[in-house]
Amino acid sequence: MKRLYRSRIDRKIAGVCGGLAEYLNTDPTVIRLIAVVVLIFTGFVPMFLAYILAWIIIPEEP
C-alpha cells in the first residue's frame, strides 16, 4: 500500500515536496517548480499556509 510521507532524504525545508514527488513517482524539482508557480499566482499567504499545514499533517517517513 502506497502512503504519502514527508521525505527524510530529499528535503530542503520540511520534506513536503520531496515526499510528494516520491508519492507521485516524479522529479522533486518539478514539484518544487509547481509550488513556486502556485505561490506566485495565488499569493504568498495561501501557499505558505498550505505548506505549513502539509508539514503538520503529513507524517515523516519511518
C-alpha atoms as a PDB file:
ATOM      1  CA  MET A   1       0.000   0.000   0.000  1.00  0.00           C
ATOM      2  CA  LYS A   2       1.373   3.368  -1.058  1.00  0.00           C
ATOM      3  CA  ARG A   3       1.304   6.170   1.559  1.00  0.00           C
ATOM      4  CA  LEU A   4       2.283   9.806   1.460  1.00  0.00           C
ATOM      5  CA  TYR A   5       5.174  10.697   3.774  1.00  0.00           C
ATOM      6  CA  ARG A   6       7.498  13.661   4.127  1.00  0.00           C
ATOM      7  CA  SER A   7      10.906  12.748   2.773  1.00  0.00           C
ATOM      8  CA  ARG A   8      13.877  12.378   5.104  1.00  0.00           C
ATOM      9  CA  ILE A   9      16.397  12.223   2.259  1.00  0.00           C
ATOM     10  CA  ASP A  10      15.158  14.757  -0.289  1.00  0.00           C
ATOM     11  CA  ARG A  11      14.272  17.774   1.796  1.00  0.00           C
ATOM     12  CA  LYS A  12      15.008  21.454   1.507  1.00  0.00           C
ATOM     13  CA  ILE A  13      12.788  22.751   4.299  1.00  0.00           C
ATOM     14  CA  ALA A  14      10.444  20.075   5.647  1.00  0.00           C
ATOM     15  CA  GLY A  15      10.445  17.338   3.011  1.00  0.00           C
ATOM     16  CA  VAL A  16       6.901  18.014   1.802  1.00  0.00           C
ATOM     17  CA  CYS A  17       7.794  18.468  -1.876  1.00  0.00           C
ATOM     18  CA  GLY A  18      10.277  15.591  -1.778  1.00  0.00           C
ATOM     19  CA  GLY A  19       7.699  13.287  -0.230  1.00  0.00           C
ATOM     20  CA  LEU A  20       5.051  14.329  -2.715  1.00  0.00           C
ATOM     21  CA  ALA A  21       7.471  13.667  -5.569  1.00  0.00           C
ATOM     22  CA  GLU A  22       8.230  10.191  -4.213  1.00  0.00           C
ATOM     23  CA  TYR A  23       4.493   9.507  -3.895  1.00  0.00           C
ATOM     24  CA  LEU A  24       3.789  10.691  -7.457  1.00  0.00           C
ATOM     25  CA  ASN A  25       6.953   8.987  -8.756  1.00  0.00           C
ATOM     26  CA  THR A  26       8.314  12.154 -10.354  1.00  0.00           C
ATOM     27  CA  ASP A  27      11.265  14.508 -10.039  1.00  0.00           C
ATOM     28  CA  PRO A  28      11.190  16.694  -6.896  1.00  0.00           C
ATOM     29  CA  THR A  29      12.355  19.689  -8.916  1.00  0.00           C
ATOM     30  CA  VAL A  30       9.128  19.576 -10.934  1.00  0.00           C
ATOM     31  CA  ILE A  31       7.056  19.582  -7.743  1.00  0.00           C
ATOM     32  CA  ARG A  32       9.080  22.484  -6.343  1.00  0.00           C
ATOM     33  CA  LEU A  33       8.648  24.482  -9.571  1.00  0.00           C
ATOM     34  CA  ILE A  34       4.897  23.861  -9.497  1.00  0.00           C
ATOM     35  CA  ALA A  35       4.845  25.034  -5.871  1.00  0.00           C
ATOM     36  CA  VAL A  36       6.665  28.246  -6.824  1.00  0.00           C
ATOM     37  CA  VAL A  37       4.264  28.906  -9.717  1.00  0.00           C
ATOM     38  CA  VAL A  38       1.283  28.350  -7.412  1.00  0.00           C
ATOM     39  CA  LEU A  39       2.934  30.665  -4.866  1.00  0.00           C
ATOM     40  CA  ILE A  40       3.265  33.411  -7.490  1.00  0.00           C
ATOM     41  CA  PHE A  41      -0.288  33.125  -8.835  1.00  0.00           C
ATOM     42  CA  THR A  42      -2.157  32.681  -5.533  1.00  0.00           C
ATOM     43  CA  GLY A  43      -0.096  34.966  -3.374  1.00  0.00           C
ATOM     44  CA  PHE A  44       2.338  34.244  -0.609  1.00  0.00           C
ATOM     45  CA  VAL A  45      -0.053  33.646   2.282  1.00  0.00           C
ATOM     46  CA  PRO A  46      -2.285  30.847   0.852  1.00  0.00           C
ATOM     47  CA  MET A  47       0.648  28.768  -0.377  1.00  0.00           C
ATOM     48  CA  PHE A  48       2.574  29.368   2.848  1.00  0.00           C
ATOM     49  CA  LEU A  49      -0.410  28.202   4.912  1.00  0.00           C
ATOM     50  CA  ALA A  50      -0.893  25.143   2.686  1.00  0.00           C
ATOM     51  CA  TYR A  51       2.772  24.211   3.078  1.00  0.00           C
ATOM     52  CA  ILE A  52       2.662  24.649   6.863  1.00  0.00           C
ATOM     53  CA  LEU A  53      -0.493  22.526   7.077  1.00  0.00           C
ATOM     54  CA  ALA A  54       1.103  19.827   4.925  1.00  0.00           C
ATOM     55  CA  TRP A  55       4.178  19.964   7.165  1.00  0.00           C
ATOM     56  CA  ILE A  56       1.979  19.365  10.219  1.00  0.00           C
ATOM     57  CA  ILE A  57      -0.408  16.778   8.713  1.00  0.00           C
ATOM     58  CA  ILE A  58       1.875  14.595   6.576  1.00  0.00           C
ATOM     59  CA  PRO A  59       3.937  12.234   8.762  1.00  0.00           C
ATOM     60  CA  GLU A  60       7.684  11.827   8.300  1.00  0.00           C
ATOM     61  CA  GLU A  61       8.665   8.583   6.607  1.00  0.00           C
ATOM     62  CA  PRO A  62       9.670   5.819   9.009  1.00  0.00           C
END
